[in-house]
C-alpha atoms as a PDB file:
ATOM      1  CA  MET A   1     215.913 -23.210  82.839  1.00  0.00           C
ATOM      2  CA  ASP A   2     216.960 -22.426  79.237  1.00  0.00           C
ATOM      3  CA  GLY A   3     217.452 -19.357  76.586  1.00  0.00           C
ATOM      4  CA  VAL A   4     214.636 -20.096  74.614  1.00  0.00           C
ATOM      5  CA  SER A   5     212.072 -20.883  77.858  1.00  0.00           C
ATOM      6  CA  ALA A   6     213.354 -18.217  79.928  1.00  0.00           C
ATOM      7  CA  LEU A   7     212.188 -15.814  76.767  1.00  0.00           C
ATOM      8  CA  GLN A   8     208.654 -17.409  75.917  1.00  0.00           C
ATOM      9  CA  ALA A   9     208.274 -17.039  79.451  1.00  0.00           C
ATOM     10  CA  SER A  10     209.174 -13.248  78.864  1.00  0.00           C
ATOM     11  CA  ASP A  11     206.770 -13.041  76.084  1.00  0.00           C
ATOM     12  CA  GLU A  12     204.205 -14.599  77.978  1.00  0.00           C
ATOM     13  CA  LEU A  13     204.643 -12.053  80.975  1.00  0.00           C
ATOM     14  CA  LYS A  14     204.133  -9.214  78.471  1.00  0.00           C
ATOM     15  CA  GLY A  15     201.439  -6.750  79.038  1.00  0.00           C
ATOM     16  CA  PHE A  16     200.501  -8.847  82.392  1.00  0.00           C
ATOM     17  CA  SER A  17     199.902  -6.463  84.963  1.00  0.00           C
ATOM     18  CA  PRO A  18     199.533  -8.123  88.695  1.00  0.00           C
ATOM     19  CA  LEU A  19     197.849  -4.654  89.838  1.00  0.00           C
ATOM     20  CA  THR A  20     194.929  -5.331  87.922  1.00  0.00           C
ATOM     21  CA  GLU A  21     194.803  -8.986  86.771  1.00  0.00           C
ATOM     22  CA  HIS A  22     195.999 -10.980  89.481  1.00  0.00           C
ATOM     23  CA  MET A  23     194.086  -7.818  92.271  1.00  0.00           C
ATOM     24  CA  ASP A  24     191.665  -5.745  92.780  1.00  0.00           C
ATOM     25  CA  ARG A  25     192.398  -2.824  94.596  1.00  0.00           C
ATOM     26  CA  LYS A  26     190.652  -0.550  95.194  1.00  0.00           C
ATOM     27  CA  GLY A  27     192.257   3.418  96.513  1.00  0.00           C
ATOM     28  CA  SER A  28     195.430   1.170  95.105  1.00  0.00           C
ATOM     29  CA  SER A  29     196.733   4.636  93.957  1.00  0.00           C
ATOM     30  CA  ALA A  30     196.166   6.002  97.406  1.00  0.00           C
ATOM     31  CA  VAL A  31     197.844   2.931  99.306  1.00  0.00           C
ATOM     32  CA  ILE A  32     200.537   3.304  96.840  1.00  0.00           C
ATOM     33  CA  GLU A  33     201.013   6.821  97.799  1.00  0.00           C
ATOM     34  CA  ALA A  34     201.042   5.959 101.611  1.00  0.00           C
ATOM     35  CA  LEU A  35     204.161   3.210 101.178  1.00  0.00           C
ATOM     36  CA  LYS A  36     206.301   6.058  98.779  1.00  0.00           C
ATOM     37  CA  ARG A  37     204.602   8.091 101.261  1.00  0.00           C
ATOM     38  CA  GLU A  38     206.517   6.001 104.332  1.00  0.00           C
ATOM     39  CA  GLN A  39     209.380   4.841 102.833  1.00  0.00           C
ATOM     40  CA  ALA A  40     210.329   8.182 102.441  1.00  0.00           C
ATOM     41  CA  ASN A  41     209.925   8.515 106.301  1.00  0.00           C
ATOM     42  CA  ALA A  42     211.853   5.746 106.565  1.00  0.00           C
ATOM     43  CA  VAL A  43     214.535   7.163 104.827  1.00  0.00           C
ATOM     44  CA  GLN A  44     214.989  10.364 106.508  1.00  0.00           C
ATOM     45  CA  LEU A  45     214.663   8.606 109.760  1.00  0.00           C
ATOM     46  CA  TYR A  46     217.945   5.263 109.015  1.00  0.00           C
ATOM     47  CA  LEU A  47     219.745   9.065 107.802  1.00  0.00           C
ATOM     48  CA  GLN A  48     218.274  10.632 111.281  1.00  0.00           C
ATOM     49  CA  TYR A  49     219.713   7.619 113.209  1.00  0.00           C
ATOM     50  CA  LYS A  50     222.916   7.731 111.558  1.00  0.00           C
ATOM     51  CA  GLY A  51     223.638  10.940 112.271  1.00  0.00           C
ATOM     52  CA  TYR A  52     223.186  10.925 115.459  1.00  0.00           C
ATOM     53  CA  HIS A  53     225.219   7.696 115.589  1.00  0.00           C
ATOM     54  CA  TRP A  54     228.311   9.533 113.862  1.00  0.00           C
ATOM     55  CA  ASN A  55     227.409  12.061 115.992  1.00  0.00           C
ATOM     56  CA  VAL A  56     226.839  10.333 119.181  1.00  0.00           C
ATOM     57  CA  PHE A  57     229.206  11.798 122.738  1.00  0.00           C
ATOM     58  CA  GLY A  58     229.375  12.249 126.407  1.00  0.00           C
ATOM     59  CA  PRO A  59     228.759   9.812 128.857  1.00  0.00           C
ATOM     60  CA  SER A  60     226.375   7.481 127.223  1.00  0.00           C
ATOM     61  CA  PHE A  61     228.635   7.339 123.914  1.00  0.00           C
ATOM     62  CA  HIS A  62     228.648   3.682 124.219  1.00  0.00           C
ATOM     63  CA  ASP A  63     225.471   2.705 124.838  1.00  0.00           C
ATOM     64  CA  LEU A  64     223.194   5.143 122.193  1.00  0.00           C
ATOM     65  CA  HIS A  65     225.794   4.432 119.705  1.00  0.00           C
ATOM     66  CA  LEU A  66     225.335   1.152 119.326  1.00  0.00           C
ATOM     67  CA  LEU A  67     221.344   1.871 119.797  1.00  0.00           C
ATOM     68  CA  PHE A  68     221.031   3.815 117.045  1.00  0.00           C
ATOM     69  CA  ASP A  69     223.288   1.525 115.262  1.00  0.00           C
ATOM     70  CA  THR A  70     220.585  -0.807 115.929  1.00  0.00           C
ATOM     71  CA  HIS A  71     217.479   1.061 115.834  1.00  0.00           C
ATOM     72  CA  ALA A  72     219.009   2.683 112.068  1.00  0.00           C
ATOM     73  CA  THR A  73     219.400  -1.156 111.144  1.00  0.00           C
ATOM     74  CA  GLN A  74     215.732  -1.730 111.629  1.00  0.00           C
ATOM     75  CA  VAL A  75     214.548   1.417 109.709  1.00  0.00           C
ATOM     76  CA  PHE A  76     216.536   0.135 107.232  1.00  0.00           C
ATOM     77  CA  GLU A  77     215.101  -3.100 106.089  1.00  0.00           C
ATOM     78  CA  MET A  78     211.939  -1.311 106.313  1.00  0.00           C
ATOM     79  CA  ILE A  79     212.340   1.174 103.441  1.00  0.00           C
ATOM     80  CA  ASP A  80     213.200  -2.148 101.590  1.00  0.00           C
ATOM     81  CA  GLU A  81     210.050  -4.225 102.974  1.00  0.00           C
ATOM     82  CA  LEU A  82     208.203  -0.769 102.017  1.00  0.00           C
ATOM     83  CA  ALA A  83     209.547  -0.159  98.536  1.00  0.00           C
ATOM     84  CA  GLU A  84     209.004  -3.612  97.254  1.00  0.00           C
ATOM     85  CA  ARG A  85     205.403  -3.737  98.191  1.00  0.00           C
ATOM     86  CA  GLN A  86     205.076  -0.952  95.948  1.00  0.00           C
ATOM     87  CA  ARG A  87     205.968  -3.203  92.681  1.00  0.00           C
ATOM     88  CA  ILE A  88     204.020  -6.059  94.177  1.00  0.00           C
ATOM     89  CA  LEU A  89     201.231  -3.718  93.310  1.00  0.00           C
ATOM     90  CA  GLY A  90     202.128  -2.283  90.296  1.00  0.00           C
ATOM     91  CA  ALA A  91     204.196   0.946  90.769  1.00  0.00           C
ATOM     92  CA  PRO A  92     207.700   1.919  90.356  1.00  0.00           C
ATOM     93  CA  ALA A  93     210.062   2.588  93.267  1.00  0.00           C
ATOM     94  CA  GLU A  94     211.042   6.022  94.099  1.00  0.00           C
ATOM     95  CA  TYR A  95     215.100   5.281  95.147  1.00  0.00           C
ATOM     96  CA  THR A  96     216.142   8.860  93.901  1.00  0.00           C
ATOM     97  CA  LEU A  97     217.120  11.237  97.302  1.00  0.00           C
ATOM     98  CA  GLU A  98     215.470  13.952  95.701  1.00  0.00           C
ATOM     99  CA  ALA A  99     212.082  11.738  95.472  1.00  0.00           C
ATOM    100  CA  MET A 100     212.345  10.488  98.928  1.00  0.00           C
ATOM    101  CA  ARG A 101     212.833  14.344  99.769  1.00  0.00           C
ATOM    102  CA  ALA A 102     209.387  15.482  98.457  1.00  0.00           C
ATOM    103  CA  ALA A 103     207.706  12.160  99.172  1.00  0.00           C
ATOM    104  CA  SER A 104     208.485  12.614 102.970  1.00  0.00           C
ATOM    105  CA  LYS A 105     206.599  14.650 105.869  1.00  0.00           C
ATOM    106  CA  LEU A 106     209.100  13.683 107.841  1.00  0.00           C
ATOM    107  CA  VAL A 107     211.077  17.460 109.015  1.00  0.00           C
ATOM    108  CA  VAL A 108     214.526  16.642 110.885  1.00  0.00           C
ATOM    109  CA  GLU A 109     216.304  19.148 112.290  1.00  0.00           C
ATOM    110  CA  GLY A 110     219.157  20.783 110.001  1.00  0.00           C
ATOM    111  CA  LYS A 111     221.970  20.970 112.352  1.00  0.00           C
ATOM    112  CA  ILE A 112     222.915  18.062 114.723  1.00  0.00           C
ATOM    113  CA  PRO A 113     221.447  18.392 118.120  1.00  0.00           C
ATOM    114  CA  ALA A 114     223.493  19.488 121.515  1.00  0.00           C
ATOM    115  CA  THR A 115     223.198  17.286 123.804  1.00  0.00           C
ATOM    116  CA  PRO A 116     222.865  13.393 123.301  1.00  0.00           C
ATOM    117  CA  ARG A 117     218.711  14.141 125.386  1.00  0.00           C
ATOM    118  CA  GLU A 118     218.070  16.340 122.917  1.00  0.00           C
ATOM    119  CA  MET A 119     218.684  12.965 120.033  1.00  0.00           C
ATOM    120  CA  VAL A 120     216.934  11.278 121.784  1.00  0.00           C
ATOM    121  CA  GLU A 121     214.188  13.500 122.390  1.00  0.00           C
ATOM    122  CA  HIS A 122     214.344  14.299 118.498  1.00  0.00           C
ATOM    123  CA  LEU A 123     214.346  10.485 117.976  1.00  0.00           C
ATOM    124  CA  VAL A 124     211.184  10.172 119.523  1.00  0.00           C
ATOM    125  CA  ALA A 125     209.628  12.610 118.431  1.00  0.00           C
ATOM    126  CA  SER A 126     210.202  11.189 114.717  1.00  0.00           C
ATOM    127  CA  HIS A 127     208.994   7.699 115.212  1.00  0.00           C
ATOM    128  CA  ARG A 128     205.812   9.797 116.977  1.00  0.00           C
ATOM    129  CA  HIS A 129     205.288  11.196 113.535  1.00  0.00           C
ATOM    130  CA  VAL A 130     205.960   8.215 111.983  1.00  0.00           C
ATOM    131  CA  LEU A 131     203.890   6.801 113.169  1.00  0.00           C
ATOM    132  CA  SER A 132     200.751   9.003 113.004  1.00  0.00           C
ATOM    133  CA  GLY A 133     201.503   8.135 108.857  1.00  0.00           C
ATOM    134  CA  LEU A 134     201.335   4.943 109.271  1.00  0.00           C
ATOM    135  CA  LYS A 135     198.344   4.549 111.805  1.00  0.00           C
ATOM    136  CA  GLY A 136     196.714   6.383 108.901  1.00  0.00           C
ATOM    137  CA  ALA A 137     197.660   4.358 106.171  1.00  0.00           C
ATOM    138  CA  PHE A 138     197.308   0.966 107.682  1.00  0.00           C
ATOM    139  CA  GLU A 139     193.233   2.482 107.942  1.00  0.00           C
ATOM    140  CA  LEU A 140     193.398   3.264 104.749  1.00  0.00           C
ATOM    141  CA  ALA A 141     195.217   0.101 103.367  1.00  0.00           C
ATOM    142  CA  ASP A 142     192.584  -1.846 105.305  1.00  0.00           C
ATOM    143  CA  GLY A 143     189.575   0.134 104.074  1.00  0.00           C
ATOM    144  CA  ALA A 144     190.860  -0.657 100.440  1.00  0.00           C
ATOM    145  CA  GLY A 145     190.692  -4.148 100.955  1.00  0.00           C
ATOM    146  CA  ASP A 146     194.527  -4.503 100.851  1.00  0.00           C
ATOM    147  CA  PRO A 147     194.945  -7.241 103.930  1.00  0.00           C
ATOM    148  CA  GLY A 148     198.988  -7.646 102.488  1.00  0.00           C
ATOM    149  CA  THR A 149     200.012  -4.566 102.502  1.00  0.00           C
ATOM    150  CA  SER A 150     197.533  -3.865 105.449  1.00  0.00           C
ATOM    151  CA  ASP A 151     200.014  -6.609 107.228  1.00  0.00           C
ATOM    152  CA  LEU A 152     203.332  -4.926 106.830  1.00  0.00           C
ATOM    153  CA  PHE A 153     201.473  -1.145 107.792  1.00  0.00           C
ATOM    154  CA  ALA A 154     201.014  -3.046 111.384  1.00  0.00           C
ATOM    155  CA  ARG A 155     204.541  -5.103 111.026  1.00  0.00           C
ATOM    156  CA  VAL A 156     206.030  -1.256 109.929  1.00  0.00           C
ATOM    157  CA  ILE A 157     204.303   0.299 113.230  1.00  0.00           C
ATOM    158  CA  GLN A 158     204.964  -1.908 116.299  1.00  0.00           C
ATOM    159  CA  ALA A 159     208.460  -2.257 115.168  1.00  0.00           C
ATOM    160  CA  HIS A 160     207.913   1.540 115.107  1.00  0.00           C
ATOM    161  CA  GLU A 161     206.557   1.365 118.680  1.00  0.00           C
ATOM    162  CA  LYS A 162     209.508  -0.669 120.214  1.00  0.00           C
ATOM    163  CA  MET A 163     212.108   1.841 119.706  1.00  0.00           C
ATOM    164  CA  GLU A 164     210.151   4.554 120.880  1.00  0.00           C
ATOM    165  CA  TRP A 165     209.630   2.592 123.660  1.00  0.00           C
ATOM    166  CA  PHE A 166     213.190   2.785 124.210  1.00  0.00           C
ATOM    167  CA  LEU A 167     214.178   6.047 123.442  1.00  0.00           C
ATOM    168  CA  ARG A 168     211.121   7.091 125.824  1.00  0.00           C
ATOM    169  CA  GLU A 169     212.699   4.502 128.566  1.00  0.00           C
ATOM    170  CA  ILE A 170     215.607   6.427 128.668  1.00  0.00           C
ATOM    171  CA  LEU A 171     213.971  10.220 129.250  1.00  0.00           C
ATOM    172  CA  GLU A 172     212.444   8.523 132.063  1.00  0.00           C
ATOM    173  CA  LYS A 173     213.999   9.377 135.541  1.00  0.00           C
ATOM    174  CA  ALA A 174     214.640   6.153 137.879  1.00  0.00           C
ATOM    175  CA  PRO A 175     212.300   6.009 140.911  1.00  0.00           C
ATOM    176  CA  PRO A 176     214.335   5.753 143.825  1.00  0.00           C
ATOM    177  CA  VAL A 177     215.535   3.207 145.611  1.00  0.00           C
ATOM    178  CA  GLY A 178     212.882   0.734 147.185  1.00  0.00           C
ATOM    179  CA  GLY A 179     209.967   1.854 145.021  1.00  0.00           C
ATOM    180  CA  ASN A 180     208.849   5.301 146.647  1.00  0.00           C
END
């Protein structure tokens, strides 16, 4: 596209609002607020995972170090999807730590847990908290007739459920050999 064509395309987009001209979004402001909250929760959970990844120790160090990093990467990818969905709906996506802190409903402890087991327990609790909010956000988007956001929330829910399951299994005691 040459400079003139790009300028013409730019002029055609002036005043264009995907929210009002191409999408019928009842309750979109509530959906956008839910997206902002879940983006902020994802940022907080990502930082929690990375903090534990950096600070894990003990006999399970290797496995937990790798698991925390893998989960952190998965959560990090969610941040982008949640932010991009806000943009698709015509809202700005926040990006400062102050904005993330204000929007997040996930509270993470102020100091590093004393044991790797406590790290895993805290992560299970964090996932359960995030899942609760995501399920409410899914219902909100679904009720607003927003299948794109509903689908995003459903995919994010499934990813959190799987991560929570992996962590929960670490906390389970192994059954005795022979099944009894």
